[in-house]
Protein backbone atom coordinates (compact mmCIF):
# COMPACT_ATOMS: atom_id res chain seq x y z
CA MET A 1 -19.08 14.08 -15.29
CA SER A 2 -16.67 13.97 -18.18
CA GLU A 3 -16.11 10.59 -19.84
CA ASP A 4 -12.40 11.37 -20.31
CA LYS A 5 -11.89 11.05 -16.56
CA LYS A 6 -11.32 7.30 -16.25
CA TYR A 7 -9.15 7.06 -13.13
CA GLY A 8 -10.76 7.48 -9.77
CA ILE A 9 -10.53 7.36 -6.01
CA ARG A 10 -13.36 5.76 -4.04
CA ILE A 11 -13.68 7.05 -0.48
CA THR A 12 -15.60 5.13 2.19
CA LEU A 13 -15.72 5.32 5.97
CA THR A 14 -13.95 2.96 8.38
CA GLN A 15 -16.13 0.58 10.41
CA GLU A 16 -15.55 2.55 13.63
CA ASN A 17 -16.26 5.95 12.11
CA PRO A 18 -19.20 7.56 13.97
CA MET A 19 -20.34 9.27 10.73
CA ARG A 20 -21.57 5.82 9.57
CA ALA A 21 -24.62 6.23 11.84
CA GLU A 22 -27.95 6.10 9.97
CA HIS A 23 -28.88 9.66 11.01
CA LEU A 24 -25.56 10.99 9.65
CA LEU A 25 -23.94 9.65 6.44
CA GLY A 26 -25.00 6.03 6.89
CA PRO A 27 -23.08 2.77 6.60
CA ASP A 28 -23.16 2.71 2.78
CA TRP A 29 -21.80 6.23 2.20
CA GLU A 30 -19.15 6.56 -0.50
CA SER A 31 -17.70 9.34 -2.58
CA PHE A 32 -15.77 9.30 -5.85
CA ARG A 33 -13.19 11.69 -7.32
CA TRP A 34 -12.27 11.25 -11.00
CA TYR A 35 -9.08 12.17 -12.88
CA VAL A 36 -7.88 12.24 -16.49
CA SER A 37 -4.66 10.29 -15.89
CA ALA A 38 -3.50 7.54 -13.56
CA ALA A 39 -0.56 9.74 -12.51
CA GLU A 40 -2.91 12.58 -11.50
CA ARG A 41 -5.07 10.12 -9.56
CA ASP A 42 -2.06 8.57 -7.82
CA GLU A 43 -0.79 11.99 -6.75
CA ALA A 44 -4.23 12.86 -5.36
CA LEU A 45 -4.43 9.51 -3.56
CA THR A 46 -1.11 10.21 -1.83
CA ASP A 47 -2.49 13.57 -0.71
CA VAL A 48 -5.77 12.03 0.54
CA ASN A 49 -3.90 9.39 2.55
CA ARG A 50 -1.35 11.67 4.20
CA HIS A 51 -1.61 12.44 7.91
CA MET A 52 -3.61 15.63 8.29
CA PRO A 53 -1.82 18.37 10.27
CA ASN A 54 -4.93 19.15 12.35
CA TYR A 55 -5.20 15.52 13.58
CA ARG A 56 -3.87 14.85 17.06
CA GLN A 57 -0.83 12.64 17.57
CA GLY A 58 -2.10 9.04 17.53
CA ASP A 59 -5.34 9.79 15.65
CA ARG A 60 -6.07 7.45 12.76
CA GLN A 61 -7.56 8.20 9.36
CA ALA A 62 -11.37 7.79 9.52
CA GLN A 63 -11.75 7.07 5.82
CA ILE A 64 -10.57 4.50 3.31
CA ALA A 65 -9.36 5.67 -0.10
CA GLU A 66 -8.76 3.20 -2.93
CA LYS A 67 -8.00 3.34 -6.64
CA VAL A 68 -10.83 2.57 -9.08
CA ASP A 69 -11.08 2.67 -12.88
CA ARG A 70 -14.09 3.08 -15.13
């Protein structure tokens, strides 16, 4: 991972997400995506948080995405 990527997005699962089960991803699962600039990160965060076209009407996002910095 490049040290010049200082702006990140931390992705975790919502409490009710079935993927939190121990035999799947587990309750402590998290993922990070890193970016060179805050603007690039903010644009990606908007994309991550948008309503996915393949979700059904009324479905909710099953992940939480938040800004982080190194």
